[in-house]
């Protein structure tokens, strides 16, 4: 799956999970704002810096979605594989497990 399509699928998955993905330019704020998940008036939003590279957007959003329970919704196989890969990396970082088997 090509990067633009992958990013769109990630955004659709977020929507099915009740998360609105919005893109804003953080350049005008004059502060070092970061992309991330937040709750506003009881609704979840993922605020994405629209000036990020597409590969960074995919990485950021997939990292967030990998930490959520997606079993109750349909996930495109390519997206499911990416989320499983991200989740495995997150668990290894958290537990200090090495990626190499010795």
PDB file of N, CA and C in Angstrom:
ATOM      1  N   UNK A   1       0.857  -1.176   0.000  1.00  0.00           N
ATOM      2  CA  UNK A   1       0.000   0.000   0.000  1.00  0.00           C
ATOM      3  C   UNK A   1       0.902   1.238   0.000  1.00  0.00           C
ATOM      4  N   UNK A   2       0.562   2.203  -0.820  1.00  0.00           N
ATOM      5  CA  UNK A   2       1.350   3.430  -0.922  1.00  0.00           C
ATOM      6  C   UNK A   2       1.079   4.329   0.282  1.00  0.00           C
ATOM      7  N   UNK A   3       2.059   5.178   0.582  1.00  0.00           N
ATOM      8  CA  UNK A   3       2.004   6.017   1.778  1.00  0.00           C
ATOM      9  C   UNK A   3       0.740   6.879   1.888  1.00  0.00           C
ATOM     10  N   UNK A   4       0.321   7.580   0.834  1.00  0.00           N
ATOM     11  CA  UNK A   4      -0.900   8.404   0.981  1.00  0.00           C
ATOM     12  C   UNK A   4      -2.134   7.562   1.338  1.00  0.00           C
ATOM     13  N   UNK A   5      -2.253   6.411   0.718  1.00  0.00           N
ATOM     14  CA  UNK A   5      -3.393   5.534   1.000  1.00  0.00           C
ATOM     15  C   UNK A   5      -3.303   4.980   2.420  1.00  0.00           C
ATOM     16  N   UNK A   6      -2.091   4.639   2.861  1.00  0.00           N
ATOM     17  CA  UNK A   6      -1.886   4.127   4.216  1.00  0.00           C
ATOM     18  C   UNK A   6      -2.293   5.179   5.246  1.00  0.00           C
ATOM     19  N   UNK A   7      -1.894   6.418   5.012  1.00  0.00           N
ATOM     20  CA  UNK A   7      -2.251   7.496   5.935  1.00  0.00           C
ATOM     21  C   UNK A   7      -3.771   7.691   5.983  1.00  0.00           C
ATOM     22  N   UNK A   8      -4.421   7.644   4.835  1.00  0.00           N
ATOM     23  CA  UNK A   8      -5.877   7.777   4.803  1.00  0.00           C
ATOM     24  C   UNK A   8      -6.546   6.632   5.565  1.00  0.00           C
ATOM     25  N   UNK A   9      -6.048   5.425   5.395  1.00  0.00           N
ATOM     26  CA  UNK A   9      -6.603   4.274   6.119  1.00  0.00           C
ATOM     27  C   UNK A   9      -6.416   4.424   7.628  1.00  0.00           C
ATOM     28  N   UNK A  10      -5.277   4.955   8.043  1.00  0.00           N
ATOM     29  CA  UNK A  10      -5.048   5.193   9.472  1.00  0.00           C
ATOM     30  C   UNK A  10      -6.039   6.223  10.011  1.00  0.00           C
ATOM     31  N   UNK A  11      -6.293   7.280   9.230  1.00  0.00           N
ATOM     32  CA  UNK A  11      -7.261   8.295   9.661  1.00  0.00           C
ATOM     33  C   UNK A  11      -8.665   7.709   9.738  1.00  0.00           C
ATOM     34  N   UNK A  12      -9.033   6.856   8.784  1.00  0.00           N
ATOM     35  CA  UNK A  12     -10.354   6.218   8.823  1.00  0.00           C
ATOM     36  C   UNK A  12     -10.481   5.298  10.034  1.00  0.00           C
ATOM     37  N   UNK A  13      -9.414   4.572  10.338  1.00  0.00           N
ATOM     38  CA  UNK A  13      -9.430   3.718  11.519  1.00  0.00           C
ATOM     39  C   UNK A  13      -9.614   4.561  12.777  1.00  0.00           C
ATOM     40  N   UNK A  14      -8.907   5.665  12.861  1.00  0.00           N
ATOM     41  CA  UNK A  14      -9.052   6.553  14.013  1.00  0.00           C
ATOM     42  C   UNK A  14     -10.504   7.001  14.163  1.00  0.00           C
ATOM     43  N   UNK A  15     -11.129   7.359  13.059  1.00  0.00           N
ATOM     44  CA  UNK A  15     -12.526   7.786  13.092  1.00  0.00           C
ATOM     45  C   UNK A  15     -13.437   6.668  13.593  1.00  0.00           C
ATOM     46  N   UNK A  16     -13.191   5.430  13.148  1.00  0.00           N
ATOM     47  CA  UNK A  16     -14.006   4.297  13.604  1.00  0.00           C
ATOM     48  C   UNK A  16     -13.818   4.048  15.098  1.00  0.00           C
ATOM     49  N   UNK A  17     -12.675   4.484  15.633  1.00  0.00           N
ATOM     50  CA  UNK A  17     -12.399   4.339  17.065  1.00  0.00           C
ATOM     51  C   UNK A  17     -12.861   5.562  17.864  1.00  0.00           C
ATOM     52  N   UNK A  18     -13.504   6.513  17.183  1.00  0.00           N
ATOM     53  CA  UNK A  18     -14.027   7.694  17.877  1.00  0.00           C
ATOM     54  C   UNK A  18     -13.022   8.816  18.030  1.00  0.00           C
ATOM     55  N   UNK A  19     -11.986   8.830  17.193  1.00  0.00           N
ATOM     56  CA  UNK A  19     -10.948   9.857  17.256  1.00  0.00           C
ATOM     57  C   UNK A  19     -10.998  10.675  15.977  1.00  0.00           C
ATOM     58  N   UNK A  20     -11.126  11.981  16.125  1.00  0.00           N
ATOM     59  CA  UNK A  20     -11.095  12.875  14.973  1.00  0.00           C
ATOM     60  C   UNK A  20      -9.653  13.306  14.744  1.00  0.00           C
ATOM     61  N   UNK A  21      -9.167  13.092  13.530  1.00  0.00           N
ATOM     62  CA  UNK A  21      -7.808  13.511  13.181  1.00  0.00           C
ATOM     63  C   UNK A  21      -7.907  14.850  12.471  1.00  0.00           C
ATOM     64  N   UNK A  22      -7.236  15.853  13.038  1.00  0.00           N
ATOM     65  CA  UNK A  22      -7.215  17.181  12.430  1.00  0.00           C
ATOM     66  C   UNK A  22      -5.771  17.613  12.248  1.00  0.00           C
ATOM     67  N   UNK A  23      -5.534  18.328  11.157  1.00  0.00           N
ATOM     68  CA  UNK A  23      -4.191  18.823  10.880  1.00  0.00           C
ATOM     69  C   UNK A  23      -4.169  20.337  10.997  1.00  0.00           C
ATOM     70  N   UNK A  24      -3.175  20.824  11.710  1.00  0.00           N
ATOM     71  CA  UNK A  24      -2.984  22.266  11.893  1.00  0.00           C
ATOM     72  C   UNK A  24      -1.516  22.593  11.699  1.00  0.00           C
ATOM     73  N   UNK A  25      -1.250  23.803  11.253  1.00  0.00           N
ATOM     74  CA  UNK A  25       0.123  24.270  11.156  1.00  0.00           C
ATOM     75  C   UNK A  25       0.516  24.845  12.509  1.00  0.00           C
ATOM     76  N   UNK A  26       1.582  24.297  13.081  1.00  0.00           N
ATOM     77  CA  UNK A  26       2.059  24.787  14.372  1.00  0.00           C
ATOM     78  C   UNK A  26       3.091  25.898  14.207  1.00  0.00           C
ATOM     79  N   UNK A  27       3.488  26.195  12.985  1.00  0.00           N
ATOM     80  CA  UNK A  27       4.500  27.232  12.744  1.00  0.00           C
ATOM     81  C   UNK A  27       4.048  28.597  13.245  1.00  0.00           C
ATOM     82  N   UNK A  28       2.789  28.914  13.045  1.00  0.00           N
ATOM     83  CA  UNK A  28       2.269  30.233  13.413  1.00  0.00           C
ATOM     84  C   UNK A  28       2.139  30.429  14.919  1.00  0.00           C
ATOM     85  N   UNK A  29       2.185  29.344  15.691  1.00  0.00           N
ATOM     86  CA  UNK A  29       1.984  29.474  17.134  1.00  0.00           C
ATOM     87  C   UNK A  29       3.188  30.085  17.838  1.00  0.00           C
ATOM     88  N   UNK A  30       4.372  29.920  17.252  1.00  0.00           N
ATOM     89  CA  UNK A  30       5.573  30.454  17.881  1.00  0.00           C
ATOM     90  C   UNK A  30       6.059  29.604  19.038  1.00  0.00           C
ATOM     91  N   UNK A  31       5.425  28.478  19.279  1.00  0.00           N
ATOM     92  CA  UNK A  31       5.847  27.573  20.353  1.00  0.00           C
ATOM     93  C   UNK A  31       6.202  26.219  19.747  1.00  0.00           C
ATOM     94  N   UNK A  32       6.861  25.399  20.526  1.00  0.00           N
ATOM     95  CA  UNK A  32       7.214  24.058  20.059  1.00  0.00           C
ATOM     96  C   UNK A  32       6.070  23.102  20.381  1.00  0.00           C
ATOM     97  N   UNK A  33       5.032  23.156  19.576  1.00  0.00           N
ATOM     98  CA  UNK A  33       3.889  22.269  19.753  1.00  0.00           C
ATOM     99  C   UNK A  33       4.211  20.921  19.117  1.00  0.00           C
ATOM    100  N   UNK A  34       3.576  19.863  19.639  1.00  0.00           N
ATOM    101  CA  UNK A  34       3.780  18.513  19.116  1.00  0.00           C
ATOM    102  C   UNK A  34       2.445  17.903  18.738  1.00  0.00           C
ATOM    103  N   UNK A  35       2.505  16.981  17.793  1.00  0.00           N
ATOM    104  CA  UNK A  35       1.302  16.233  17.424  1.00  0.00           C
ATOM    105  C   UNK A  35       0.967  15.272  18.550  1.00  0.00           C
ATOM    106  N   UNK A  36      -0.332  14.968  18.709  1.00  0.00           N
ATOM    107  CA  UNK A  36      -0.705  14.013  19.735  1.00  0.00           C
ATOM    108  C   UNK A  36      -2.192  13.913  19.968  1.00  0.00           C
ATOM    109  N   UNK A  37      -2.536  12.950  20.822  1.00  0.00           N
ATOM    110  CA  UNK A  37      -3.923  12.656  21.160  1.00  0.00           C
ATOM    111  C   UNK A  37      -4.339  13.501  22.355  1.00  0.00           C
ATOM    112  N   UNK A  38      -5.530  14.084  22.273  1.00  0.00           N
ATOM    113  CA  UNK A  38      -6.039  14.858  23.410  1.00  0.00           C
ATOM    114  C   UNK A  38      -7.567  14.757  23.434  1.00  0.00           C
ATOM    115  N   UNK A  39      -8.123  15.047  24.575  1.00  0.00           N
ATOM    116  CA  UNK A  39      -9.573  15.012  24.741  1.00  0.00           C
ATOM    117  C   UNK A  39     -10.063  16.441  24.944  1.00  0.00           C
ATOM    118  N   UNK A  40     -11.026  16.847  24.108  1.00  0.00           N
ATOM    119  CA  UNK A  40     -11.581  18.197  24.169  1.00  0.00           C
ATOM    120  C   UNK A  40     -13.091  18.080  24.262  1.00  0.00           C
ATOM    121  N   UNK A  41     -13.643  18.616  25.340  1.00  0.00           N
ATOM    122  CA  UNK A  41     -15.099  18.569  25.568  1.00  0.00           C
ATOM    123  C   UNK A  41     -15.648  17.153  25.425  1.00  0.00           C
ATOM    124  N   UNK A  42     -14.924  16.191  25.976  1.00  0.00           N
ATOM    125  CA  UNK A  42     -15.383  14.819  26.000  1.00  0.00           C
ATOM    126  C   UNK A  42     -15.180  14.033  24.719  1.00  0.00           C
ATOM    127  N   UNK A  43     -14.528  14.635  23.729  1.00  0.00           N
ATOM    128  CA  UNK A  43     -14.304  13.946  22.449  1.00  0.00           C
ATOM    129  C   UNK A  43     -12.805  13.870  22.166  1.00  0.00           C
ATOM    130  N   UNK A  44     -12.362  12.700  21.676  1.00  0.00           N
ATOM    131  CA  UNK A  44     -10.949  12.487  21.381  1.00  0.00           C
ATOM    132  C   UNK A  44     -10.569  13.081  20.031  1.00  0.00           C
ATOM    133  N   UNK A  45      -9.420  13.762  20.007  1.00  0.00           N
ATOM    134  CA  UNK A  45      -8.865  14.352  18.792  1.00  0.00           C
ATOM    135  C   UNK A  45      -7.396  13.976  18.698  1.00  0.00           C
ATOM    136  N   UNK A  46      -6.935  13.725  17.499  1.00  0.00           N
ATOM    137  CA  UNK A  46      -5.500  13.592  17.274  1.00  0.00           C
ATOM    138  C   UNK A  46      -5.115  14.819  16.466  1.00  0.00           C
ATOM    139  N   UNK A  47      -4.327  15.700  17.084  1.00  0.00           N
ATOM    140  CA  UNK A  47      -3.898  16.925  16.434  1.00  0.00           C
ATOM    141  C   UNK A  47      -2.566  16.646  15.750  1.00  0.00           C
ATOM    142  N   UNK A  48      -2.552  16.770  14.428  1.00  0.00           N
ATOM    143  CA  UNK A  48      -1.363  16.462  13.636  1.00  0.00           C
ATOM    144  C   UNK A  48      -0.784  17.750  13.056  1.00  0.00           C
ATOM    145  N   UNK A  49       0.515  17.914  13.180  1.00  0.00           N
ATOM    146  CA  UNK A  49       1.206  19.040  12.560  1.00  0.00           C
ATOM    147  C   UNK A  49       1.204  18.805  11.049  1.00  0.00           C
ATOM    148  N   UNK A  50       0.500  19.645  10.316  1.00  0.00           N
ATOM    149  CA  UNK A  50       0.357  19.400   8.885  1.00  0.00           C
ATOM    150  C   UNK A  50       1.650  19.642   8.110  1.00  0.00           C
ATOM    151  N   UNK A  51       2.653  20.211   8.745  1.00  0.00           N
ATOM    152  CA  UNK A  51       3.926  20.457   8.084  1.00  0.00           C
ATOM    153  C   UNK A  51       4.890  19.265   8.198  1.00  0.00           C
ATOM    154  N   UNK A  52       4.472  18.222   8.884  1.00  0.00           N
ATOM    155  CA  UNK A  52       5.304  17.016   8.992  1.00  0.00           C
ATOM    156  C   UNK A  52       5.344  16.302   7.648  1.00  0.00           C
ATOM    157  N   UNK A  53       6.408  15.538   7.435  1.00  0.00           N
ATOM    158  CA  UNK A  53       6.480  14.675   6.259  1.00  0.00           C
ATOM    159  C   UNK A  53       5.424  13.592   6.372  1.00  0.00           C
ATOM    160  N   UNK A  54       4.959  13.090   5.246  1.00  0.00           N
ATOM    161  CA  UNK A  54       3.938  12.057   5.256  1.00  0.00           C
ATOM    162  C   UNK A  54       4.408  10.827   6.037  1.00  0.00           C
ATOM    163  N   UNK A  55       5.650  10.453   5.891  1.00  0.00           N
ATOM    164  CA  UNK A  55       6.179   9.297   6.622  1.00  0.00           C
ATOM    165  C   UNK A  55       6.131   9.530   8.134  1.00  0.00           C
ATOM    166  N   UNK A  56       6.367  10.761   8.572  1.00  0.00           N
ATOM    167  CA  UNK A  56       6.289  11.084  10.003  1.00  0.00           C
ATOM    168  C   UNK A  56       4.844  11.039  10.487  1.00  0.00           C
ATOM    169  N   UNK A  57       3.917  11.514   9.666  1.00  0.00           N
ATOM    170  CA  UNK A  57       2.498  11.473  10.034  1.00  0.00           C
ATOM    171  C   UNK A  57       2.047  10.027  10.222  1.00  0.00           C
ATOM    172  N   UNK A  58       2.465   9.164   9.301  1.00  0.00           N
ATOM    173  CA  UNK A  58       2.117   7.746   9.396  1.00  0.00           C
ATOM    174  C   UNK A  58       2.704   7.153  10.662  1.00  0.00           C
ATOM    175  N   UNK A  59       3.946   7.477  10.949  1.00  0.00           N
ATOM    176  CA  UNK A  59       4.614   6.953  12.137  1.00  0.00           C
ATOM    177  C   UNK A  59       3.915   7.416  13.415  1.00  0.00           C
ATOM    178  N   UNK A  60       3.610   8.692  13.497  1.00  0.00           N
ATOM    179  CA  UNK A  60       2.971   9.245  14.696  1.00  0.00           C
ATOM    180  C   UNK A  60       1.576   8.665  14.922  1.00  0.00           C
ATOM    181  N   UNK A  61       0.760   8.661  13.876  1.00  0.00           N
ATOM    182  CA  UNK A  61      -0.610   8.190  14.029  1.00  0.00           C
ATOM    183  C   UNK A  61      -0.658   6.682  14.285  1.00  0.00           C
ATOM    184  N   UNK A  62       0.196   5.924  13.613  1.00  0.00           N
ATOM    185  CA  UNK A  62       0.193   4.474  13.831  1.00  0.00           C
ATOM    186  C   UNK A  62       0.696   4.136  15.231  1.00  0.00           C
ATOM    187  N   UNK A  63       1.636   4.900  15.744  1.00  0.00           N
ATOM    188  CA  UNK A  63       2.126   4.696  17.115  1.00  0.00           C
ATOM    189  C   UNK A  63       0.982   4.886  18.111  1.00  0.00           C
ATOM    190  N   UNK A  64       0.175   5.907  17.893  1.00  0.00           N
ATOM    191  CA  UNK A  64      -0.970   6.166  18.767  1.00  0.00           C
ATOM    192  C   UNK A  64      -1.994   5.041  18.659  1.00  0.00           C
ATOM    193  N   UNK A  65      -2.368   4.688  17.444  1.00  0.00           N
ATOM    194  CA  UNK A  65      -3.403   3.674  17.237  1.00  0.00           C
ATOM    195  C   UNK A  65      -2.963   2.292  17.693  1.00  0.00           C
ATOM    196  N   UNK A  66      -1.668   2.015  17.659  1.00  0.00           N
ATOM    197  CA  UNK A  66      -1.160   0.707  18.092  1.00  0.00           C
ATOM    198  C   UNK A  66      -1.400   0.480  19.577  1.00  0.00           C
ATOM    199  N   UNK A  67      -1.538   1.551  20.328  1.00  0.00           N
ATOM    200  CA  UNK A  67      -1.745   1.417  21.771  1.00  0.00           C
ATOM    201  C   UNK A  67      -3.224   1.239  22.136  1.00  0.00           C
ATOM    202  N   UNK A  68      -4.103   1.266  21.143  1.00  0.00           N
ATOM    203  CA  UNK A  68      -5.539   1.157  21.384  1.00  0.00           C
ATOM    204  C   UNK A  68      -6.061  -0.220  21.001  1.00  0.00           C
ATOM    205  N   UNK A  69      -7.206  -0.568  21.547  1.00  0.00           N
ATOM    206  CA  UNK A  69      -7.849  -1.841  21.226  1.00  0.00           C
ATOM    207  C   UNK A  69      -8.605  -1.690  19.907  1.00  0.00           C
ATOM    208  N   UNK A  70      -8.153  -2.404  18.889  1.00  0.00           N
ATOM    209  CA  UNK A  70      -8.779  -2.321  17.566  1.00  0.00           C
ATOM    210  C   UNK A  70      -9.500  -3.611  17.188  1.00  0.00           C
ATOM    211  N   UNK A  71      -9.668  -4.509  18.133  1.00  0.00           N
ATOM    212  CA  UNK A  71     -10.269  -5.814  17.834  1.00  0.00           C
ATOM    213  C   UNK A  71     -11.725  -5.727  17.414  1.00  0.00           C
ATOM    214  N   UNK A  72     -12.446  -4.716  17.855  1.00  0.00           N
ATOM    215  CA  UNK A  72     -13.876  -4.621  17.582  1.00  0.00           C
ATOM    216  C   UNK A  72     -14.194  -3.956  16.238  1.00  0.00           C
ATOM    217  N   UNK A  73     -13.181  -3.470  15.535  1.00  0.00           N
ATOM    218  CA  UNK A  73     -13.410  -2.799  14.256  1.00  0.00           C
ATOM    219  C   UNK A  73     -12.592  -3.472  13.154  1.00  0.00           C
ATOM    220  N   UNK A  74     -13.071  -3.335  11.918  1.00  0.00           N
ATOM    221  CA  UNK A  74     -12.320  -3.878  10.794  1.00  0.00           C
ATOM    222  C   UNK A  74     -11.092  -3.016  10.550  1.00  0.00           C
ATOM    223  N   UNK A  75      -9.944  -3.680  10.377  1.00  0.00           N
ATOM    224  CA  UNK A  75      -8.702  -2.986  10.075  1.00  0.00           C
ATOM    225  C   UNK A  75      -8.117  -3.618   8.812  1.00  0.00           C
ATOM    226  N   UNK A  76      -7.829  -2.790   7.828  1.00  0.00           N
ATOM    227  CA  UNK A  76      -7.228  -3.254   6.585  1.00  0.00           C
ATOM    228  C   UNK A  76      -5.959  -4.030   6.924  1.00  0.00           C
ATOM    229  N   UNK A  77      -5.709  -5.168   6.280  1.00  0.00           N
ATOM    230  CA  UNK A  77      -4.545  -5.998   6.619  1.00  0.00           C
ATOM    231  C   UNK A  77      -3.209  -5.250   6.669  1.00  0.00           C
ATOM    232  N   UNK A  78      -2.955  -4.351   5.725  1.00  0.00           N
ATOM    233  CA  UNK A  78      -1.690  -3.605   5.732  1.00  0.00           C
ATOM    234  C   UNK A  78      -1.579  -2.718   6.969  1.00  0.00           C
ATOM    235  N   UNK A  79      -2.691  -2.139   7.377  1.00  0.00           N
ATOM    236  CA  UNK A  79      -2.706  -1.293   8.580  1.00  0.00           C
ATOM    237  C   UNK A  79      -2.556  -2.157   9.824  1.00  0.00           C
ATOM    238  N   UNK A  80      -3.239  -3.284   9.867  1.00  0.00           N
ATOM    239  CA  UNK A  80      -3.130  -4.204  11.007  1.00  0.00           C
ATOM    240  C   UNK A  80      -1.672  -4.637  11.192  1.00  0.00           C
ATOM    241  N   UNK A  81      -0.985  -4.966  10.095  1.00  0.00           N
ATOM    242  CA  UNK A  81       0.420  -5.377  10.171  1.00  0.00           C
ATOM    243  C   UNK A  81       1.289  -4.246  10.721  1.00  0.00           C
ATOM    244  N   UNK A  82       1.046  -3.020  10.262  1.00  0.00           N
ATOM    245  CA  UNK A  82       1.806  -1.869  10.754  1.00  0.00           C
ATOM    246  C   UNK A  82       1.568  -1.657  12.244  1.00  0.00           C
ATOM    247  N   UNK A  83       0.318  -1.744  12.685  1.00  0.00           N
ATOM    248  CA  UNK A  83      -0.005  -1.538  14.099  1.00  0.00           C
ATOM    249  C   UNK A  83       0.616  -2.623  14.975  1.00  0.00           C
ATOM    250  N   UNK A  84       0.613  -3.853  14.497  1.00  0.00           N
ATOM    251  CA  UNK A  84       1.236  -4.936  15.264  1.00  0.00           C
ATOM    252  C   UNK A  84       2.732  -4.715  15.384  1.00  0.00           C
ATOM    253  N   UNK A  85       3.347  -4.246  14.311  1.00  0.00           N
ATOM    254  CA  UNK A  85       4.784  -3.949  14.330  1.00  0.00           C
ATOM    255  C   UNK A  85       5.082  -2.832  15.335  1.00  0.00           C
ATOM    256  N   UNK A  86       4.275  -1.788  15.318  1.00  0.00           N
ATOM    257  CA  UNK A  86       4.443  -0.665  16.256  1.00  0.00           C
ATOM    258  C   UNK A  86       4.227  -1.112  17.693  1.00  0.00           C
ATOM    259  N   UNK A  87       3.204  -1.926  17.911  1.00  0.00           N
ATOM    260  CA  UNK A  87       2.894  -2.387  19.262  1.00  0.00           C
ATOM    261  C   UNK A  87       4.041  -3.233  19.811  1.00  0.00           C
ATOM    262  N   UNK A  88       4.610  -4.073  18.981  1.00  0.00           N
ATOM    263  CA  UNK A  88       5.744  -4.907  19.399  1.00  0.00           C
ATOM    264  C   UNK A  88       6.926  -4.030  19.791  1.00  0.00           C
ATOM    265  N   UNK A  89       7.203  -3.015  18.996  1.00  0.00           N
ATOM    266  CA  UNK A  89       8.314  -2.104  19.312  1.00  0.00           C
ATOM    267  C   UNK A  89       8.051  -1.366  20.623  1.00  0.00           C
ATOM    268  N   UNK A  90       6.788  -0.928  20.818  1.00  0.00           N
ATOM    269  CA  UNK A  90       6.439  -0.191  22.042  1.00  0.00           C
ATOM    270  C   UNK A  90       6.637  -1.071  23.267  1.00  0.00           C
ATOM    271  N   UNK A  91       6.219  -2.321  23.181  1.00  0.00           N
ATOM    272  CA  UNK A  91       6.364  -3.251  24.303  1.00  0.00           C
ATOM    273  C   UNK A  91       7.836  -3.499  24.595  1.00  0.00           C
ATOM    274  N   UNK A  92       8.633  -3.668  23.553  1.00  0.00           N
ATOM    275  CA  UNK A  92      10.070  -3.901  23.748  1.00  0.00           C
ATOM    276  C   UNK A  92      10.732  -2.709  24.417  1.00  0.00           C
ATOM    277  N   UNK A  93      10.382  -1.486  23.985  1.00  0.00           N
ATOM    278  CA  UNK A  93      10.966  -0.286  24.602  1.00  0.00           C
ATOM    279  C   UNK A  93      10.565  -0.200  26.065  1.00  0.00           C
ATOM    280  N   UNK A  94       9.285  -0.469  26.319  1.00  0.00           N
ATOM    281  CA  UNK A  94       8.755  -0.339  27.682  1.00  0.00           C
ATOM    282  C   UNK A  94       9.375  -1.360  28.637  1.00  0.00           C
ATOM    283  N   UNK A  95       9.578  -2.568  28.145  1.00  0.00           N
ATOM    284  CA  UNK A  95      10.098  -3.630  29.006  1.00  0.00           C
ATOM    285  C   UNK A  95      11.615  -3.761  28.938  1.00  0.00           C
ATOM    286  N   UNK A  96      12.238  -3.061  27.984  1.00  0.00           N
ATOM    287  CA  UNK A  96      13.685  -3.146  27.844  1.00  0.00           C
ATOM    288  C   UNK A  96      14.150  -4.381  27.114  1.00  0.00           C
ATOM    289  N   UNK A  97      13.238  -5.096  26.447  1.00  0.00           N
ATOM    290  CA  UNK A  97      13.614  -6.292  25.710  1.00  0.00           C
ATOM    291  C   UNK A  97      14.385  -5.902  24.461  1.00  0.00           C
ATOM    292  N   UNK A  98      15.362  -6.673  24.131  1.00  0.00           N
ATOM    293  CA  UNK A  98      16.159  -6.435  22.948  1.00  0.00           C
ATOM    294  C   UNK A  98      15.406  -6.919  21.714  1.00  0.00           C
ATOM    295  N   UNK A  99      15.711  -6.303  20.578  1.00  0.00           N
ATOM    296  CA  UNK A  99      15.091  -6.756  19.337  1.00  0.00           C
ATOM    297  C   UNK A  99      15.854  -7.947  18.760  1.00  0.00           C
ATOM    298  N   UNK A 100      17.047  -8.231  19.290  1.00  0.00           N
ATOM    299  CA  UNK A 100      17.827  -9.374  18.820  1.00  0.00           C
ATOM    300  C   UNK A 100      17.666 -10.538  19.763  1.00  0.00           C
ATOM    301  N   UNK A 101      17.597 -11.714  19.202  1.00  0.00           N
ATOM    302  CA  UNK A 101      17.565 -12.925  20.000  1.00  0.00           C
ATOM    303  C   UNK A 101      18.984 -13.481  20.059  1.00  0.00           C
ATOM    304  N   UNK A 102      19.454 -13.805  21.250  1.00  0.00           N
ATOM    305  CA  UNK A 102      20.821 -14.336  21.374  1.00  0.00           C
ATOM    306  C   UNK A 102      20.784 -15.715  21.968  1.00  0.00           C
TER     307      UNK A 102
END
